[in-house]
Amino acid sequence: MAISFKMNVRKAALLLLLFIFLACKGDNGQQVTTSPSENTSTLIESSPVHDEVVNDIYLEEVLSDNSLPQNTSPLNDDEILESIDNSQENEIDSQEIVNNQNTETSTSSSEEILSVNNNVTFSTHFKQGSDGLIEIQTQKDINFFLNAWFDWNNDGVYENNNEYVLVNERLVYEKDKPFHKLKIRVPENSSTGQIWTKFKLSKLENNNAIGKEANPITGIEEEHNVTIEAQNLIHNVYPSENNWVTLAFEDSWPFIGDFDFNDVALLYRVDKITNNQGDIVRYDIYGSLTAYGANLANGFAVKLDGIPSEKVDGLLTKLVVNNTTLHNVQTLEQGTIDAVIIISNNLKDEIDQPTCTGELGAFYRVWKGCFDDDPNQYVFIASVPFITPIPPSDAPKMPLNPFIFGAPDINHGSNIRGISGREIEIHLKNHDVSSKANTSYFSTQDDTSIFIENKCPGIDCNTFHNSNGLPWAIIVESIWNHPSEGSNILLAYPELTNFAISGGDISTDWYIRSNANLEKLYE
């Protein structure tokens, strides 16, 4: 289904009346322009140029028979946007098109042009393959649902697929935050130069479901054009475009615990996006929670070793969960030296109450034979763009530095650990910690590693292992069958002991199913 740039007869009549009325008042400098519509003539005012982007705006009444397209297909990675609460507002002036006007039609109930001082601002450059930021301003005490289309292929038609980029985004007015910051991912094959965009604000959600017999819908439409800059990007996916690695964590560090490595288990993939010079433009981190077998509250994050926080473009960082952008979430953690991307502060809050219960409690997808819980309850994409592309010599090694941590302000385990769990971090063996970690737990209880700050990160980093070299976090280069609840990983995968003691020289395929004790696996 497509939406062409057309106006119905009633709209045209309304605009014609406005044109005659304004013409009778004399020439006031207004201009007539034509959007890439079929048979569309619209009265607009010229607006200022900002960042070489021309905002040609028109405003029209939204009627019930010109509603949103139906049967909207799901968004994909290139069609997701996000706003960030604590990013700086970048305002530009905008000409007001219609203000404090009311009109009645001959329909069964009156329709009004809202007296909404609505502004759409393109606050950043829009480049092929990257996110651009828009800001929407709404009037006090009026909340809207926003829908938007971008004519990426510049063919004069708004397609009902990747060109339908914002679907029923609810804009709630807040006194101290009148601007809603939203992100749009430009397709890599988008047309360059100026393209047209369409924004539709309505009081009702999903107004395409309103039948023609229903009361008319009050709202506004605007069309703008925006400049798309050319950009060639190269994708370097770890482990590969069609494969995943599995991350598995034991959250009792520095205690061994039950050592079943299903406290937190995730599928994980990283896309390193570079430009023609090989410099890194951004990372896109993909993942899906596959098991949560813990009573403790654990968060999940990724540290970018050696990349200072100030090099990350916090304005354009983006977190998408289950195909929905989290507009009020800032993923770049504040107060760290190296950049840390917080994907979840508490994974337990991201999933429904598990349906299966064992003797230790109700856990998510760890009890043998229980598959009632949806395996796709928490699927995420975290985008981490840089203010200036990072040279490859400064790039951290794959798989970056993923880790779990105790949920902030929640007691994480026994009383030997801090009240606030955020200071408890559990990383892969011989990986660095963030500047917020409490390093006093190294070389205590079952941990025999020795953390030396200037050795980490690096080949001499000595962290997160016991006397046998066994870690509290592992990475398996496949989709992996984790142990069932309470099953020690050394019993579930007997060859892991030889692998750990040898430093990874032997039993390198310890993790494959044919080498496992199947009675100890979650399946």
Protein backbone atom coordinates (compact mmCIF):
# COMPACT_ATOMS: atom_id res chain seq x y z
CA MET A 1 0.00 0.00 0.00
CA ALA A 2 1.26 3.51 -0.78
CA ILE A 3 0.31 7.07 0.09
CA SER A 4 0.68 9.56 -2.77
CA PHE A 5 1.07 13.26 -2.13
CA LYS A 6 -2.60 14.11 -2.79
CA MET A 7 -5.24 16.24 -1.16
CA ASN A 8 -8.91 15.42 -1.26
CA VAL A 9 -11.55 17.79 -2.53
CA ARG A 10 -12.52 19.03 0.89
CA LYS A 11 -8.92 19.90 1.72
CA ALA A 12 -8.45 21.71 -1.55
CA ALA A 13 -11.63 23.70 -0.96
CA LEU A 14 -10.47 24.71 2.50
CA LEU A 15 -7.07 25.82 1.27
CA LEU A 16 -8.68 27.69 -1.64
CA LEU A 17 -10.81 29.68 0.83
CA LEU A 18 -7.72 30.46 2.89
CA PHE A 19 -5.91 31.57 -0.26
CA ILE A 20 -8.75 33.93 -1.31
CA PHE A 21 -8.98 35.35 2.19
CA LEU A 22 -5.27 36.05 2.37
CA ALA A 23 -5.15 37.42 -1.17
CA CYS A 24 -7.87 39.92 -0.36
CA LYS A 25 -5.70 41.26 2.46
CA GLY A 26 -2.99 42.13 -0.02
CA ASP A 27 0.46 40.83 -0.84
CA ASN A 28 2.24 40.03 2.42
CA GLY A 29 5.24 38.25 1.04
CA GLN A 30 3.80 34.73 1.08
CA GLN A 31 4.91 32.32 -1.61
CA VAL A 32 3.16 29.50 -3.41
CA THR A 33 5.08 26.26 -3.71
CA THR A 34 4.29 22.77 -4.90
CA SER A 35 5.35 19.61 -3.08
CA PRO A 36 6.07 16.47 -5.11
CA SER A 37 2.34 15.78 -5.00
CA GLU A 38 0.06 14.90 -7.82
CA ASN A 39 -2.17 17.94 -8.35
CA THR A 40 -1.29 19.53 -5.00
CA SER A 41 -0.99 23.28 -4.53
CA THR A 42 -0.27 24.46 -1.03
CA LEU A 43 0.24 27.82 0.62
CA ILE A 44 3.48 27.98 2.60
CA GLU A 45 5.86 30.44 4.13
CA SER A 46 9.61 30.28 3.64
CA SER A 47 11.51 28.96 6.64
CA PRO A 48 15.13 29.51 7.68
CA VAL A 49 17.97 27.30 6.52
CA HIS A 50 19.71 25.28 9.28
CA ASP A 51 22.70 22.99 8.71
CA GLU A 52 22.09 23.33 4.98
CA VAL A 53 18.67 21.73 5.38
CA VAL A 54 15.71 23.61 3.90
CA ASN A 55 12.44 23.15 5.79
CA ASP A 56 9.61 23.90 3.36
CA ILE A 57 6.52 23.48 5.48
CA TYR A 58 2.84 23.31 4.79
CA LEU A 59 0.01 22.70 7.22
CA GLU A 60 -3.34 21.20 6.37
CA GLU A 61 -6.40 19.80 8.12
CA VAL A 62 -6.48 16.05 8.64
CA LEU A 63 -9.78 14.45 7.64
CA SER A 64 -11.00 10.96 8.40
CA ASP A 65 -10.89 9.79 4.78
CA ASN A 66 -7.17 10.59 4.40
CA SER A 67 -5.90 8.40 7.19
CA LEU A 68 -2.81 6.32 7.84
CA PRO A 69 -2.09 3.22 5.73
CA GLN A 70 -3.44 -0.07 7.03
CA ASN A 71 -1.68 -3.42 7.51
CA THR A 72 1.56 -1.79 8.52
CA SER A 73 4.50 -4.18 8.23
CA PRO A 74 6.94 -4.49 11.16
CA LEU A 75 9.85 -2.12 11.31
CA ASN A 76 13.30 -3.39 10.52
CA ASP A 77 16.70 -2.21 11.71
CA ASP A 78 16.80 0.72 9.26
CA GLU A 79 13.37 2.05 10.26
CA ILE A 80 13.73 2.54 13.95
CA LEU A 81 14.05 5.92 15.69
CA GLU A 82 14.74 7.15 19.20
CA SER A 83 14.65 10.28 21.35
CA ILE A 84 17.01 10.92 24.30
CA ASP A 85 15.72 12.79 27.34
CA ASN A 86 18.98 14.24 28.62
CA SER A 87 20.58 15.29 25.33
CA GLN A 88 20.95 19.00 24.66
CA GLU A 89 18.08 20.67 22.85
CA ASN A 90 19.00 22.21 19.52
CA GLU A 91 16.25 24.65 18.64
CA ILE A 92 15.85 26.69 15.47
CA ASP A 93 13.23 29.23 14.59
CA SER A 94 10.30 28.08 12.50
CA GLN A 95 7.59 30.12 10.74
CA GLU A 96 4.10 29.55 12.12
CA ILE A 97 1.76 28.62 9.28
CA VAL A 98 -1.64 28.45 10.91
CA ASN A 99 -2.33 29.96 14.32
CA ASN A 100 -5.55 30.26 16.28
CA GLN A 101 -7.85 29.55 13.37
CA ASN A 102 -11.13 27.63 13.65
CA THR A 103 -13.31 26.43 10.82
CA GLU A 104 -16.60 24.54 10.54
CA THR A 105 -17.56 22.29 7.66
CA SER A 106 -20.86 20.88 6.54
CA THR A 107 -20.12 17.42 7.97
CA SER A 108 -22.15 15.84 10.76
CA SER A 109 -19.84 17.37 13.36
CA SER A 110 -17.47 20.32 13.16
CA GLU A 111 -13.82 19.87 12.23
CA GLU A 112 -11.21 22.32 13.39
CA ILE A 113 -7.73 23.23 12.40
CA LEU A 114 -5.89 22.92 15.68
CA SER A 115 -4.25 26.02 17.05
CA VAL A 116 -1.07 24.02 17.68
CA ASN A 117 2.24 25.78 17.38
CA ASN A 118 3.84 22.61 16.00
CA ASN A 119 7.44 22.66 14.79
CA VAL A 120 9.47 19.94 13.09
CA THR A 121 13.20 20.56 13.20
CA PHE A 122 15.90 18.49 11.50
CA SER A 123 18.56 18.91 14.16
CA THR A 124 21.47 16.98 12.61
CA HIS A 125 22.77 16.12 9.18
CA PHE A 126 21.06 13.14 7.57
CA LYS A 127 23.51 10.71 5.96
CA GLN A 128 23.02 7.43 4.14
CA GLY A 129 23.18 4.55 6.63
CA SER A 130 23.26 6.69 9.80
CA ASP A 131 20.72 8.05 12.25
CA GLY A 132 19.51 11.62 12.03
CA LEU A 133 17.75 13.54 14.79
CA ILE A 134 14.45 15.36 14.49
CA GLU A 135 12.74 17.43 17.17
CA ILE A 136 8.99 17.87 17.49
CA GLN A 137 7.47 20.67 19.57
CA THR A 138 3.91 20.41 20.80
CA GLN A 139 1.67 22.84 22.64
CA LYS A 140 0.91 22.75 26.33
CA ASP A 141 -1.70 20.21 27.49
CA ILE A 142 -2.11 18.68 24.00
CA ASN A 143 -0.81 15.15 23.47
CA PHE A 144 -0.52 13.54 20.05
CA PHE A 145 0.24 10.36 18.19
CA LEU A 146 2.85 11.01 15.52
CA ASN A 147 3.20 9.16 12.22
CA ALA A 148 5.86 10.03 9.66
CA TRP A 149 6.97 9.02 6.19
CA PHE A 150 10.23 9.67 4.34
CA ASP A 151 10.30 9.32 0.55
CA TRP A 152 13.66 7.56 0.57
CA ASN A 153 13.64 6.67 -3.13
CA ASN A 154 12.38 10.13 -4.08
CA ASP A 155 9.69 8.80 -6.42
CA GLY A 156 6.87 11.04 -5.19
CA VAL A 157 5.08 8.22 -3.36
CA TYR A 158 5.21 7.31 0.34
CA GLU A 159 5.47 3.54 0.43
CA ASN A 160 3.96 1.55 3.28
CA ASN A 161 7.19 -0.31 4.08
CA ASN A 162 10.51 1.22 5.05
CA GLU A 163 9.25 4.71 4.16
CA TYR A 164 6.70 4.59 7.01
CA VAL A 165 9.29 5.39 9.67
CA LEU A 166 7.30 6.52 12.72
CA VAL A 167 4.20 4.58 13.68
CA ASN A 168 1.90 5.97 16.37
CA GLU A 169 4.65 7.53 18.47
CA ARG A 170 2.92 9.05 21.50
CA LEU A 171 4.11 12.58 22.23
CA VAL A 172 3.27 13.64 25.77
CA TYR A 173 3.72 17.28 26.69
CA GLU A 174 6.11 17.96 29.58
CA LYS A 175 6.66 21.47 30.85
CA ASP A 176 10.44 21.20 31.06
CA LYS A 177 10.75 19.07 27.90
CA PRO A 178 8.50 20.49 25.20
CA PHE A 179 10.73 19.07 22.46
CA HIS A 180 10.49 15.38 21.59
CA LYS A 181 13.78 14.06 20.21
CA LEU A 182 13.37 11.23 17.72
CA LYS A 183 15.90 9.36 15.61
CA ILE A 184 15.49 8.20 12.04
CA ARG A 185 17.84 5.63 10.46
CA VAL A 186 18.47 6.60 6.83
CA PRO A 187 18.68 3.55 4.52
CA GLU A 188 22.07 3.05 2.97
CA ASN A 189 20.47 3.01 -0.49
CA SER A 190 18.45 6.17 0.08
CA SER A 191 18.39 8.83 -2.63
CA THR A 192 20.72 11.71 -1.95
CA GLY A 193 19.94 15.40 -2.16
CA GLN A 194 16.57 16.76 -1.11
CA ILE A 195 13.70 14.36 -0.46
CA TRP A 196 10.20 14.99 0.91
CA THR A 197 8.95 13.91 4.31
CA LYS A 198 5.45 13.87 5.78
CA PHE A 199 4.45 14.20 9.44
CA LYS A 200 0.95 13.54 10.71
CA LEU A 201 -0.19 14.36 14.25
CA SER A 202 -3.50 13.02 15.53
CA LYS A 203 -5.31 12.91 18.84
CA LEU A 204 -6.20 9.26 18.31
CA GLU A 205 -3.86 6.32 18.06
CA ASN A 206 -3.89 4.27 14.85
CA ASN A 207 -6.42 6.56 13.22
CA ASN A 208 -6.36 4.51 10.02
CA ALA A 209 -8.67 2.12 11.90
CA ILE A 210 -11.36 4.80 12.20
CA GLY A 211 -14.13 4.14 9.72
CA LYS A 212 -15.65 6.79 7.50
CA GLU A 213 -18.81 6.80 9.58
CA ALA A 214 -16.91 7.76 12.72
CA ASN A 215 -16.55 11.29 13.95
CA PRO A 216 -13.96 13.30 12.05
CA ILE A 217 -10.43 13.20 13.44
CA THR A 218 -8.79 16.43 14.42
CA GLY A 219 -5.12 16.77 13.67
CA ILE A 220 -2.49 18.35 11.46
CA GLU A 221 -0.16 17.37 8.65
CA GLU A 222 3.11 18.88 7.58
CA GLU A 223 5.43 18.19 4.68
CA HIS A 224 9.10 19.13 4.82
CA ASN A 225 12.08 18.44 2.65
CA VAL A 226 15.43 17.33 4.01
CA THR A 227 18.84 16.90 2.45
CA ILE A 228 20.35 13.39 2.46
CA GLU A 229 24.14 13.30 2.25
CA ALA A 230 26.01 10.51 0.49
CA GLN A 231 27.95 8.09 2.70
CA ASN A 232 29.50 4.72 1.91
CA LEU A 233 29.57 2.28 4.84
CA ILE A 234 31.16 -1.15 5.23
CA HIS A 235 29.83 -3.77 7.67
CA ASN A 236 32.18 -6.06 9.61
CA VAL A 237 30.04 -8.48 11.63
CA TYR A 238 31.27 -10.59 14.54
CA PRO A 239 31.05 -13.59 14.49
CA SER A 240 29.34 -13.28 11.07
CA GLU A 241 26.20 -11.83 9.57
CA ASN A 242 24.17 -15.03 10.02
CA ASN A 243 25.69 -16.45 13.21
CA TRP A 244 25.72 -15.73 16.93
CA VAL A 245 27.94 -16.35 19.90
CA THR A 246 26.53 -17.25 23.31
CA LEU A 247 27.48 -15.33 26.45
CA ALA A 248 26.87 -17.17 29.73
CA PHE A 249 27.43 -15.83 33.24
CA GLU A 250 27.59 -17.12 36.79
CA ASP A 251 26.57 -14.21 39.04
CA SER A 252 27.99 -15.36 42.41
CA TRP A 253 31.52 -13.97 41.90
CA PRO A 254 33.81 -14.08 43.83
CA PHE A 255 32.04 -17.23 45.08
CA ILE A 256 31.79 -20.28 42.81
CA GLY A 257 28.05 -20.67 43.44
CA ASP A 258 26.23 -23.52 41.71
CA PHE A 259 28.37 -22.92 38.58
CA ASP A 260 25.55 -23.77 36.17
CA PHE A 261 26.20 -20.77 33.89
CA ASN A 262 22.54 -20.04 33.29
CA ASP A 263 22.16 -17.08 35.65
CA VAL A 264 22.32 -14.92 32.52
CA ALA A 265 22.68 -16.32 29.00
CA LEU A 266 22.42 -14.27 25.81
CA LEU A 267 22.94 -14.56 22.09
CA TYR A 268 25.30 -11.81 20.98
CA ARG A 269 26.55 -10.21 17.77
CA VAL A 270 28.44 -6.99 16.93
CA ASP A 271 28.42 -5.06 13.66
CA LYS A 272 31.42 -2.75 13.29
CA ILE A 273 30.48 -0.13 10.69
CA THR A 274 33.39 1.60 8.98
CA ASN A 275 33.83 4.23 6.28
CA ASN A 276 35.97 3.99 3.14
CA GLN A 277 39.09 4.86 5.16
CA GLY A 278 38.48 1.95 7.55
CA ASP A 279 37.65 4.23 10.47
CA ILE A 280 34.80 3.12 12.73
CA VAL A 281 31.64 5.18 12.39
CA ARG A 282 29.65 3.20 14.96
CA TYR A 283 28.99 -0.18 16.55
CA ASP A 284 25.59 -1.89 16.37
CA ILE A 285 25.30 -4.47 19.17
CA TYR A 286 22.62 -7.16 18.76
CA GLY A 287 21.44 -9.61 21.39
CA SER A 288 18.67 -11.75 22.81
CA LEU A 289 18.21 -13.02 26.37
CA THR A 290 17.98 -16.84 26.27
CA ALA A 291 18.02 -17.72 29.98
CA TYR A 292 17.72 -16.09 33.38
CA GLY A 293 18.25 -18.53 36.22
CA ALA A 294 19.10 -16.15 39.05
CA ASN A 295 17.46 -14.79 42.16
CA LEU A 296 19.78 -11.78 42.03
CA ALA A 297 19.03 -8.73 39.89
CA ASN A 298 21.58 -8.41 37.09
CA GLY A 299 22.08 -5.76 34.45
CA PHE A 300 23.91 -6.13 31.13
CA ALA A 301 26.36 -3.71 29.53
CA VAL A 302 29.22 -3.49 27.04
CA LYS A 303 32.47 -1.63 27.73
CA LEU A 304 34.44 -0.13 24.85
CA ASP A 305 38.01 -0.65 26.05
CA GLY A 306 40.25 2.33 25.37
CA ILE A 307 37.52 4.56 23.94
CA PRO A 308 36.78 7.54 26.21
CA SER A 309 33.12 8.25 26.91
CA GLU A 310 33.36 11.72 25.38
CA LYS A 311 34.11 10.22 21.95
CA VAL A 312 30.66 8.60 21.79
CA ASP A 313 27.88 10.71 20.30
CA GLY A 314 25.46 10.47 23.22
CA LEU A 315 22.88 12.50 21.30
CA LEU A 316 22.51 9.74 18.73
CA THR A 317 23.03 6.57 20.79
CA LYS A 318 20.00 4.37 20.39
CA LEU A 319 18.46 1.35 22.13
CA VAL A 320 15.78 -0.71 20.42
CA VAL A 321 14.04 -3.49 22.38
CA ASN A 322 11.67 -5.92 20.68
CA ASN A 323 11.56 -3.67 17.61
CA THR A 324 10.56 -0.63 19.67
CA THR A 325 12.85 2.30 20.26
CA LEU A 326 13.13 3.32 23.91
CA HIS A 327 12.86 7.07 23.58
CA ASN A 328 13.62 7.97 27.18
CA VAL A 329 16.64 5.72 27.63
CA GLN A 330 20.21 7.02 27.46
CA THR A 331 22.56 4.07 26.96
CA LEU A 332 25.87 5.89 27.40
CA GLU A 333 26.59 5.58 31.11
CA GLN A 334 27.61 8.80 32.81
CA GLY A 335 30.70 9.07 35.01
CA THR A 336 32.91 6.41 33.43
CA ILE A 337 36.36 6.84 31.89
CA ASP A 338 36.02 4.37 29.03
CA ALA A 339 32.65 4.32 27.34
CA VAL A 340 30.11 1.91 28.85
CA ILE A 341 26.83 1.15 27.07
CA ILE A 342 24.07 0.11 29.48
CA ILE A 343 21.67 -2.19 27.67
CA SER A 344 19.63 -3.08 30.75
CA ASN A 345 19.97 -2.09 34.40
CA ASN A 346 17.90 -5.10 35.47
CA LEU A 347 17.23 -8.01 33.12
CA LYS A 348 14.67 -9.48 35.52
CA ASP A 349 12.44 -6.51 34.79
CA GLU A 350 12.64 -7.14 31.04
CA ILE A 351 10.83 -10.49 31.08
CA ASP A 352 7.48 -11.80 32.27
CA GLN A 353 7.16 -13.83 35.44
CA PRO A 354 8.41 -17.32 34.41
CA THR A 355 5.76 -20.02 34.16
CA CYS A 356 8.00 -22.92 35.22
CA THR A 357 9.02 -23.37 38.83
CA GLY A 358 11.50 -25.75 40.40
CA GLU A 359 12.70 -26.33 43.92
CA LEU A 360 14.83 -23.17 43.78
CA GLY A 361 12.19 -20.88 42.35
CA ALA A 362 10.61 -19.61 39.14
CA PHE A 363 13.35 -19.00 36.58
CA TYR A 364 13.33 -18.22 32.87
CA ARG A 365 14.13 -21.10 30.48
CA VAL A 366 16.43 -23.12 32.74
CA TRP A 367 14.22 -25.94 34.03
CA LYS A 368 14.69 -29.09 31.99
CA GLY A 369 11.74 -29.87 29.73
CA CYS A 370 10.01 -26.53 30.30
CA PHE A 371 9.58 -24.46 27.12
CA ASP A 372 6.44 -22.53 28.04
CA ASP A 373 8.20 -19.17 28.30
CA ASP A 374 8.57 -17.15 25.11
CA PRO A 375 12.26 -17.30 24.03
CA ASN A 376 12.13 -13.83 22.44
CA GLN A 377 10.99 -11.65 25.31
CA TYR A 378 14.07 -9.44 25.28
CA VAL A 379 15.69 -8.82 21.90
CA PHE A 380 17.79 -5.68 21.58
CA ILE A 381 19.89 -3.53 19.27
CA ALA A 382 22.18 -0.89 20.75
CA SER A 383 23.68 1.65 18.34
CA VAL A 384 26.87 3.42 19.44
CA PRO A 385 27.92 6.18 17.01
CA PHE A 386 31.06 8.25 17.43
CA ILE A 387 31.35 12.02 17.18
CA THR A 388 34.41 11.51 14.95
CA PRO A 389 35.16 8.10 13.39
CA ILE A 390 37.60 6.01 15.43
CA PRO A 391 40.81 4.86 13.69
CA PRO A 392 41.19 1.07 13.59
CA SER A 393 44.34 1.26 15.72
CA ASP A 394 42.20 2.57 18.61
CA ALA A 395 39.45 -0.02 18.22
CA PRO A 396 38.91 -2.62 20.96
CA LYS A 397 39.12 -6.27 19.98
CA MET A 398 36.02 -8.34 19.42
CA PRO A 399 33.79 -9.28 21.10
CA LEU A 400 34.28 -5.88 22.78
CA ASN A 401 33.85 -6.24 26.55
CA PRO A 402 30.35 -7.47 27.50
CA PHE A 403 29.60 -7.94 31.20
CA ILE A 404 26.85 -8.29 33.77
CA PHE A 405 26.58 -6.15 36.89
CA GLY A 406 24.39 -5.92 39.94
CA ALA A 407 21.30 -3.76 39.48
CA PRO A 408 22.00 -0.29 40.94
CA ASP A 409 20.74 0.41 44.45
CA ILE A 410 19.87 -3.26 45.04
CA ASN A 411 21.81 -5.49 47.43
CA HIS A 412 23.64 -7.98 45.23
CA GLY A 413 24.09 -11.15 47.22
CA SER A 414 25.78 -11.70 50.56
CA ASN A 415 26.79 -8.92 52.89
CA ILE A 416 30.46 -9.07 51.89
CA ARG A 417 29.50 -7.13 48.76
CA GLY A 418 28.33 -3.55 48.46
CA ILE A 419 24.74 -2.48 48.98
CA SER A 420 24.57 -1.03 45.50
CA GLY A 421 25.03 -3.85 43.01
CA ARG A 422 26.44 -1.56 40.31
CA GLU A 423 29.92 -1.93 41.79
CA ILE A 424 29.78 -5.70 41.22
CA GLU A 425 30.87 -6.47 37.64
CA ILE A 426 31.45 -9.91 36.11
CA HIS A 427 33.44 -9.97 32.85
CA LEU A 428 34.99 -12.58 30.62
CA LYS A 429 38.24 -14.07 31.88
CA ASN A 430 41.19 -11.65 31.77
CA HIS A 431 39.04 -8.69 30.72
CA ASP A 432 39.11 -5.20 32.17
CA VAL A 433 36.48 -3.67 34.45
CA SER A 434 34.86 -0.24 34.20
CA SER A 435 35.87 2.66 36.42
CA LYS A 436 32.73 2.04 38.51
CA ALA A 437 33.69 -1.50 39.54
CA ASN A 438 34.86 -2.35 43.05
CA THR A 439 38.16 -4.15 42.51
CA SER A 440 38.62 -5.14 46.15
CA TYR A 441 36.80 -8.43 45.49
CA PHE A 442 39.63 -9.80 43.33
CA SER A 443 41.78 -12.40 45.13
CA THR A 444 38.98 -13.08 47.63
CA GLN A 445 36.81 -16.15 48.26
CA ASP A 446 37.14 -18.43 45.18
CA ASP A 447 38.70 -15.81 42.92
CA THR A 448 42.48 -16.16 42.60
CA SER A 449 43.07 -13.53 39.92
CA ILE A 450 45.10 -10.39 40.60
CA PHE A 451 43.83 -7.14 39.14
CA ILE A 452 46.53 -4.60 38.25
CA GLU A 453 45.02 -1.50 36.71
CA ASN A 454 47.77 -0.65 34.24
CA LYS A 455 47.78 -4.25 32.98
CA CYS A 456 44.14 -4.14 31.88
CA PRO A 457 43.09 -4.24 29.16
CA GLY A 458 45.94 -6.19 27.62
CA ILE A 459 47.52 -9.62 27.30
CA ASP A 460 48.77 -9.42 30.89
CA CYS A 461 45.35 -8.67 32.37
CA ASN A 462 44.64 -11.24 35.10
CA THR A 463 40.98 -11.24 36.17
CA PHE A 464 37.92 -13.39 36.89
CA HIS A 465 39.20 -16.94 37.31
CA ASN A 466 39.67 -19.48 40.10
CA SER A 467 42.68 -21.64 40.90
CA ASN A 468 41.87 -24.04 38.03
CA GLY A 469 41.57 -21.21 35.53
CA LEU A 470 37.80 -21.50 35.39
CA PRO A 471 35.98 -18.21 34.76
CA TRP A 472 32.65 -16.71 35.84
CA ALA A 473 31.75 -15.74 32.28
CA ILE A 474 32.24 -17.65 29.04
CA ILE A 475 31.76 -17.00 25.35
CA VAL A 476 30.85 -19.90 23.05
CA GLU A 477 31.08 -19.34 19.31
CA SER A 478 27.72 -20.88 18.50
CA ILE A 479 24.15 -21.07 19.76
CA TRP A 480 24.82 -23.13 22.87
CA ASN A 481 22.81 -25.46 25.10
CA HIS A 482 23.37 -24.12 28.61
CA PRO A 483 23.11 -26.43 31.63
CA SER A 484 19.76 -26.89 33.33
CA GLU A 485 19.18 -25.21 36.68
CA GLY A 486 21.53 -26.48 39.39
CA SER A 487 23.65 -28.58 37.00
CA ASN A 488 27.34 -27.76 37.42
CA ILE A 489 28.85 -26.93 34.04
CA LEU A 490 31.76 -29.31 34.71
CA LEU A 491 29.25 -32.18 34.94
CA ALA A 492 27.25 -30.99 31.96
CA TYR A 493 30.39 -30.49 29.82
CA PRO A 494 33.12 -32.71 31.33
CA GLU A 495 35.83 -31.67 28.86
CA LEU A 496 35.68 -28.06 30.00
CA THR A 497 38.06 -28.84 32.87
CA ASN A 498 40.85 -29.92 30.48
CA PHE A 499 40.21 -26.89 28.32
CA ALA A 500 40.50 -24.51 31.26
CA ILE A 501 43.56 -26.12 32.86
CA SER A 502 45.42 -26.17 29.52
CA GLY A 503 44.68 -22.53 28.89
CA GLY A 504 42.54 -23.43 25.89
CA ASP A 505 45.07 -25.63 24.12
CA ILE A 506 43.13 -28.90 24.29
CA SER A 507 39.47 -29.96 24.24
CA THR A 508 38.65 -26.88 22.19
CA ASP A 509 35.31 -28.38 21.19
CA TRP A 510 34.24 -29.01 24.80
CA TYR A 511 30.98 -27.08 24.25
CA ILE A 512 29.42 -29.10 21.41
CA ARG A 513 26.38 -31.20 22.22
CA SER A 514 28.05 -34.52 21.39
CA ASN A 515 30.56 -33.88 24.19
CA ALA A 516 27.87 -33.02 26.75
CA ASN A 517 26.03 -35.00 29.39
CA LEU A 518 22.57 -34.53 27.90
CA GLU A 519 20.82 -35.19 31.20
CA LYS A 520 22.40 -32.01 32.56
CA LEU A 521 21.36 -29.69 29.71
CA TYR A 522 18.35 -27.46 29.32
CA GLU A 523 16.45 -29.19 26.55
